[in-house]
Amino acid sequence: MSKLAFLGLGVMGGPMAAHLAKAGHEVTVYNRTTSKAEGWVSAHGGSFASTPREAAEGAEFVIACVGNDDDLRSVCLGDEGAFAAMAQGSVFVDHTTVSAQVTRELYAVAKAQGVGYVDAPVSGGQAGAENGVLSIMCGGDAEDFDRAAPIMDAYARIARRMGESGAGQIAKMMNQICIAGAVQGLAEALHFGEKAGMDGRAVVEVISQGAAGSWQMQNRHGTMLDGEFKHGFAVDWMRKDLGICLAAADEVGAALPVTALVDQFYKEVQNMGGGRWDTSALIARLRKLGE
């Protein structure tokens, strides 16, 4: 068992850290809102720290799951950042979805002080984190991934190294691009069926068994039909991720026309007041257009 620090106890980080504690690791947690860290310790044991540096003191692995590029820099860098306390030979594992640019920047800082750095964004949503069945796409040095993989096994269905630093983030961008198109297609199909007087659930029972089937269809069609959008990844966060995808596409010269269009559809959902709705809320936009 290892001495670990976990930074960020949101809807993803909290359950992931809990799996580590359940697996028997010695876990010290940090969260920007201290009361959340205190509550986590009450529920799962371990200890909490008031700064990332304090949490990282003596840890073999420091794991982060925060919000965006700036949040990640804030927990890594500076006098109270985790890097200030990490010893040579320790490994930083980042589960945040961020840009490949900030990943490579922090990788370089970590390596300069003898610390391993693995970018390891996740897919599977809150349910995947709670059930310990996340898909994890990793970038970084092979030896650092090999050391971190047994730690991630506590909450992963699969964790695979995709390449050098930043490759995990690129893989996550591909994941989000796929999701954006799939959710929009499902929203359009269900909306069309409603207008045509079809029983959406009955149709999905049939078509989900064929080529149209997808995770989104299986898990979200019912709540979409019911207009319930409190079941996962928020629109605000999806727009953050799609912004990262579109910026990276410009850098490498890739065309993402559908992704750019769906990003604008999510902007319209935000303007409807749905920023905290889950990503399946694209159907709400179609219903509004069809009124």
Protein backbone atom coordinates (compact mmCIF):
# COMPACT_ATOMS: atom_id res chain seq x y z
CA MET A 1 0.00 0.00 0.00
CA SER A 2 1.17 3.53 -0.74
CA LYS A 3 1.08 6.95 0.86
CA LEU A 4 -1.02 9.12 -1.45
CA ALA A 5 -2.27 12.68 -1.76
CA PHE A 6 -5.50 13.43 -3.62
CA LEU A 7 -6.20 17.01 -4.71
CA GLY A 8 -9.79 17.88 -5.61
CA LEU A 9 -12.89 16.22 -4.18
CA GLY A 10 -15.59 17.08 -6.69
CA VAL A 11 -18.15 14.65 -8.14
CA MET A 12 -15.31 12.72 -9.76
CA GLY A 13 -12.41 13.19 -7.35
CA GLY A 14 -14.32 12.40 -4.17
CA PRO A 15 -15.38 8.88 -5.23
CA MET A 16 -11.98 8.16 -6.81
CA ALA A 17 -10.19 9.07 -3.59
CA ALA A 18 -12.68 6.90 -1.69
CA HIS A 19 -11.76 3.87 -3.79
CA LEU A 20 -8.10 4.45 -2.94
CA ALA A 21 -8.89 4.57 0.77
CA LYS A 22 -11.02 1.43 0.49
CA ALA A 23 -8.10 -0.32 -1.24
CA GLY A 24 -6.01 0.31 1.86
CA HIS A 25 -3.83 3.21 0.76
CA GLU A 26 -2.92 5.97 3.20
CA VAL A 27 -4.73 8.95 1.68
CA THR A 28 -4.36 12.64 2.52
CA VAL A 29 -6.86 14.85 0.71
CA TYR A 30 -6.96 18.51 -0.22
CA ASN A 31 -9.91 20.51 -1.45
CA ARG A 32 -10.27 24.22 -2.01
CA THR A 33 -13.36 24.13 0.23
CA THR A 34 -11.99 22.71 3.47
CA SER A 35 -15.38 21.59 4.76
CA LYS A 36 -15.64 19.14 1.86
CA ALA A 37 -12.25 17.65 2.78
CA GLU A 38 -13.34 17.35 6.40
CA GLY A 39 -16.53 15.60 5.33
CA TRP A 40 -14.59 13.20 3.12
CA VAL A 41 -12.28 12.23 5.99
CA SER A 42 -15.27 11.68 8.27
CA ALA A 43 -16.74 9.30 5.72
CA HIS A 44 -13.63 7.50 4.50
CA GLY A 45 -10.81 7.99 7.00
CA GLY A 46 -7.36 9.27 6.18
CA SER A 47 -6.49 12.91 6.76
CA PHE A 48 -6.87 16.29 5.12
CA ALA A 49 -4.43 19.11 4.47
CA SER A 50 -4.91 22.84 4.19
CA THR A 51 -2.66 23.23 1.11
CA PRO A 52 -1.58 21.03 -1.80
CA ARG A 53 1.99 21.25 -0.53
CA GLU A 54 0.99 19.94 2.88
CA ALA A 55 -0.98 17.10 1.29
CA ALA A 56 1.94 16.12 -0.93
CA GLU A 57 4.51 16.00 1.85
CA GLY A 58 5.99 12.50 1.92
CA ALA A 59 3.54 11.12 -0.69
CA GLU A 60 4.72 8.54 -3.21
CA PHE A 61 1.91 9.54 -5.57
CA VAL A 62 0.04 12.84 -5.80
CA ILE A 63 -3.22 12.63 -7.75
CA ALA A 64 -5.25 15.59 -8.96
CA CYS A 65 -8.77 15.95 -10.32
CA VAL A 66 -9.59 19.65 -10.49
CA GLY A 67 -11.39 21.96 -12.93
CA ASN A 68 -9.25 23.49 -15.67
CA ASP A 69 -5.78 24.63 -16.70
CA ASP A 70 -5.60 27.43 -14.14
CA ASP A 71 -6.86 25.19 -11.32
CA LEU A 72 -4.23 22.59 -12.19
CA ARG A 73 -1.42 25.14 -12.22
CA SER A 74 -2.59 26.48 -8.86
CA VAL A 75 -2.38 23.07 -7.13
CA CYS A 76 0.97 22.23 -8.73
CA LEU A 77 3.03 25.43 -8.70
CA GLY A 78 4.05 28.12 -6.23
CA ASP A 79 5.17 27.99 -2.62
CA GLU A 80 2.03 26.09 -1.54
CA GLY A 81 1.76 23.92 -4.65
CA ALA A 82 2.26 20.16 -4.57
CA PHE A 83 5.49 20.26 -6.59
CA ALA A 84 7.15 22.22 -3.77
CA ALA A 85 6.90 19.18 -1.48
CA MET A 86 7.26 16.27 -3.90
CA ALA A 87 10.43 14.22 -3.54
CA GLN A 88 12.53 12.83 -6.36
CA GLY A 89 11.07 9.57 -7.57
CA SER A 90 7.49 10.42 -6.64
CA VAL A 91 4.82 10.60 -9.36
CA PHE A 92 2.13 13.18 -10.10
CA VAL A 93 -1.01 11.79 -11.78
CA ASP A 94 -3.43 14.30 -13.28
CA HIS A 95 -7.01 13.19 -13.96
CA THR A 96 -8.19 16.68 -14.94
CA THR A 97 -9.25 17.30 -18.53
CA VAL A 98 -6.94 20.14 -19.55
CA SER A 99 -5.02 21.30 -22.59
CA ALA A 100 -2.07 19.31 -23.86
CA GLN A 101 -0.12 22.56 -23.63
CA VAL A 102 -0.43 22.91 -19.83
CA THR A 103 0.22 19.19 -19.48
CA ARG A 104 3.54 19.42 -21.31
CA GLU A 105 4.42 22.57 -19.38
CA LEU A 106 3.90 20.89 -16.01
CA TYR A 107 5.54 17.67 -17.19
CA ALA A 108 8.71 19.64 -17.95
CA VAL A 109 8.68 21.33 -14.52
CA ALA A 110 8.14 18.00 -12.76
CA LYS A 111 10.85 16.17 -14.70
CA ALA A 112 13.35 18.95 -13.98
CA GLN A 113 13.05 18.15 -10.27
CA GLY A 114 13.06 14.39 -10.70
CA VAL A 115 9.29 13.88 -10.35
CA GLY A 116 7.27 11.71 -12.73
CA TYR A 117 4.18 13.18 -14.40
CA VAL A 118 1.33 11.22 -15.98
CA ASP A 119 -1.57 12.97 -17.70
CA ALA A 120 -4.50 10.64 -17.15
CA PRO A 121 -7.90 12.17 -18.04
CA VAL A 122 -10.89 9.91 -17.45
CA SER A 123 -14.13 8.96 -19.14
CA GLY A 124 -17.17 7.35 -17.55
CA GLY A 125 -18.73 10.25 -15.69
CA GLN A 126 -19.84 10.43 -12.08
CA ALA A 127 -21.32 6.94 -12.20
CA GLY A 128 -18.04 5.54 -13.50
CA ALA A 129 -16.14 7.22 -10.68
CA GLU A 130 -18.58 5.99 -8.03
CA ASN A 131 -18.54 2.42 -9.36
CA GLY A 132 -14.78 2.34 -9.98
CA VAL A 133 -15.08 1.58 -13.71
CA LEU A 134 -13.49 4.60 -15.38
CA SER A 135 -11.63 4.50 -18.69
CA ILE A 136 -8.29 6.29 -18.29
CA MET A 137 -6.19 7.59 -21.19
CA CYS A 138 -2.59 8.26 -20.17
CA GLY A 139 0.44 10.12 -21.46
CA GLY A 140 3.95 10.39 -20.08
CA ASP A 141 7.03 8.24 -19.60
CA ALA A 142 6.40 4.51 -19.70
CA GLU A 143 8.14 3.89 -16.37
CA ASP A 144 5.98 6.48 -14.60
CA PHE A 145 2.79 5.02 -16.09
CA ASP A 146 3.85 1.51 -15.07
CA ARG A 147 4.28 2.67 -11.47
CA ALA A 148 0.99 4.59 -11.40
CA ALA A 149 -1.16 1.94 -13.12
CA PRO A 150 -1.66 -0.25 -10.01
CA ILE A 151 -2.83 2.84 -8.10
CA MET A 152 -5.37 3.73 -10.81
CA ASP A 153 -6.66 0.15 -10.83
CA ALA A 154 -8.68 1.09 -7.72
CA TYR A 155 -11.14 3.04 -9.88
CA ALA A 156 -10.40 2.02 -13.48
CA ARG A 157 -11.97 -0.46 -15.83
CA ILE A 158 -9.07 0.21 -18.18
CA ALA A 159 -6.01 2.44 -17.98
CA ARG A 160 -3.74 2.54 -21.01
CA ARG A 161 -0.70 4.60 -21.97
CA MET A 162 -1.38 6.34 -25.29
CA GLY A 163 2.08 7.88 -25.79
CA GLU A 164 4.33 10.65 -24.56
CA SER A 165 3.28 13.59 -22.37
CA GLY A 166 0.02 15.11 -23.62
CA ALA A 167 -1.12 11.97 -25.44
CA GLY A 168 -3.66 11.21 -22.72
CA GLN A 169 -5.22 14.64 -23.14
CA ILE A 170 -5.36 14.26 -26.93
CA ALA A 171 -7.13 10.91 -26.48
CA LYS A 172 -9.62 12.57 -24.11
CA MET A 173 -10.29 15.24 -26.73
CA MET A 174 -11.11 12.47 -29.21
CA ASN A 175 -13.48 11.02 -26.60
CA GLN A 176 -15.31 14.33 -26.18
CA ILE A 177 -15.55 14.83 -29.93
CA CYS A 178 -17.25 11.43 -30.21
CA ILE A 179 -19.64 12.22 -27.37
CA ALA A 180 -20.69 15.57 -28.82
CA GLY A 181 -21.77 14.03 -32.11
CA ALA A 182 -23.44 11.03 -30.48
CA VAL A 183 -25.54 13.11 -28.08
CA GLN A 184 -26.66 15.49 -30.82
CA GLY A 185 -27.64 12.58 -33.06
CA LEU A 186 -29.62 10.94 -30.24
CA ALA A 187 -31.31 14.23 -29.36
CA GLU A 188 -32.38 14.76 -32.96
CA ALA A 189 -33.71 11.20 -33.28
CA LEU A 190 -35.76 11.42 -30.09
CA HIS A 191 -37.07 14.88 -30.97
CA PHE A 192 -38.04 13.71 -34.45
CA GLY A 193 -39.84 10.71 -32.97
CA GLU A 194 -41.77 12.93 -30.56
CA LYS A 195 -42.94 15.14 -33.39
CA ALA A 196 -43.89 12.10 -35.46
CA GLY A 197 -45.94 10.62 -32.61
CA MET A 198 -43.67 7.66 -31.91
CA ASP A 199 -43.05 5.90 -28.60
CA GLY A 200 -39.40 6.80 -28.08
CA ARG A 201 -38.75 4.09 -25.51
CA ALA A 202 -40.17 1.39 -27.72
CA VAL A 203 -38.11 2.56 -30.68
CA VAL A 204 -34.91 2.69 -28.63
CA GLU A 205 -35.52 -0.82 -27.33
CA VAL A 206 -35.27 -1.99 -30.94
CA ILE A 207 -32.65 0.27 -32.51
CA SER A 208 -30.28 0.11 -29.54
CA GLN A 209 -29.73 -3.56 -30.44
CA GLY A 210 -28.49 -2.60 -33.91
CA ALA A 211 -25.93 -0.31 -35.48
CA ALA A 212 -27.42 2.82 -33.88
CA GLY A 213 -26.76 1.58 -30.35
CA SER A 214 -24.44 3.57 -28.07
CA TRP A 215 -23.69 4.22 -24.41
CA GLN A 216 -25.55 7.50 -24.68
CA MET A 217 -28.62 5.82 -26.13
CA GLN A 218 -28.61 3.07 -23.51
CA ASN A 219 -28.10 5.37 -20.52
CA ARG A 220 -29.65 8.70 -21.47
CA HIS A 221 -32.63 8.16 -23.76
CA GLY A 222 -35.12 7.76 -20.89
CA THR A 223 -34.05 10.85 -18.99
CA MET A 224 -33.93 12.85 -22.21
CA LEU A 225 -37.51 11.85 -23.01
CA ASP A 226 -38.51 12.82 -19.46
CA GLY A 227 -36.69 16.16 -19.64
CA GLU A 228 -34.44 15.29 -16.69
CA PHE A 229 -30.92 16.69 -17.02
CA LYS A 230 -29.28 16.07 -13.66
CA HIS A 231 -27.52 12.83 -14.45
CA GLY A 232 -23.93 13.57 -15.29
CA PHE A 233 -21.36 15.84 -16.87
CA ALA A 234 -22.49 19.48 -16.97
CA VAL A 235 -22.88 21.54 -20.13
CA ASP A 236 -20.50 24.18 -18.71
CA TRP A 237 -17.75 21.59 -18.42
CA MET A 238 -18.47 20.14 -21.85
CA ARG A 239 -18.06 23.57 -23.40
CA LYS A 240 -14.72 23.91 -21.60
CA ASP A 241 -13.63 20.57 -23.04
CA LEU A 242 -14.87 21.31 -26.56
CA GLY A 243 -13.03 24.63 -26.44
CA ILE A 244 -9.84 22.68 -25.73
CA CYS A 245 -10.63 20.34 -28.64
CA LEU A 246 -11.24 23.16 -31.09
CA ALA A 247 -8.09 25.04 -30.06
CA ALA A 248 -6.00 21.89 -30.44
CA ALA A 249 -7.58 21.18 -33.83
CA ASP A 250 -6.46 24.62 -35.03
CA GLU A 251 -2.92 23.85 -33.87
CA VAL A 252 -2.67 20.58 -35.78
CA GLY A 253 -4.77 21.60 -38.78
CA ALA A 254 -7.71 19.25 -38.19
CA ALA A 255 -11.25 20.10 -39.33
CA LEU A 256 -13.96 19.55 -36.69
CA PRO A 257 -17.12 20.98 -38.27
CA VAL A 258 -19.64 18.90 -36.30
CA THR A 259 -17.83 19.53 -33.02
CA ALA A 260 -17.80 23.28 -33.65
CA LEU A 261 -21.53 23.20 -34.43
CA VAL A 262 -22.46 21.18 -31.35
CA ASP A 263 -20.33 23.52 -29.23
CA GLN A 264 -22.56 26.37 -30.40
CA PHE A 265 -25.65 24.32 -29.61
CA TYR A 266 -24.34 23.89 -26.07
CA LYS A 267 -23.83 27.66 -25.93
CA GLU A 268 -27.53 28.05 -26.71
CA VAL A 269 -28.35 25.61 -23.88
CA GLN A 270 -26.26 27.78 -21.54
CA ASN A 271 -28.24 30.82 -22.69
CA MET A 272 -31.41 28.91 -21.78
CA GLY A 273 -30.11 28.65 -18.22
CA GLY A 274 -28.92 25.08 -18.66
CA GLY A 275 -25.22 25.44 -17.90
CA ARG A 276 -25.47 22.98 -15.00
CA TRP A 277 -27.72 20.55 -16.88
CA ASP A 278 -26.00 17.41 -18.13
CA THR A 279 -24.86 17.10 -21.73
CA SER A 280 -28.03 15.28 -22.84
CA ALA A 281 -29.82 18.64 -22.54
CA LEU A 282 -29.26 19.19 -26.26
CA ILE A 283 -32.80 17.83 -26.72
CA ALA A 284 -34.16 20.76 -24.67
CA ARG A 285 -32.78 23.14 -27.28
CA LEU A 286 -34.52 21.21 -30.07
CA ARG A 287 -37.81 21.23 -28.18
CA LYS A 288 -37.56 24.97 -27.73
CA LEU A 289 -36.89 25.44 -31.44
CA GLY A 290 -39.88 23.24 -32.25
CA GLU A 291 -42.38 25.11 -30.08
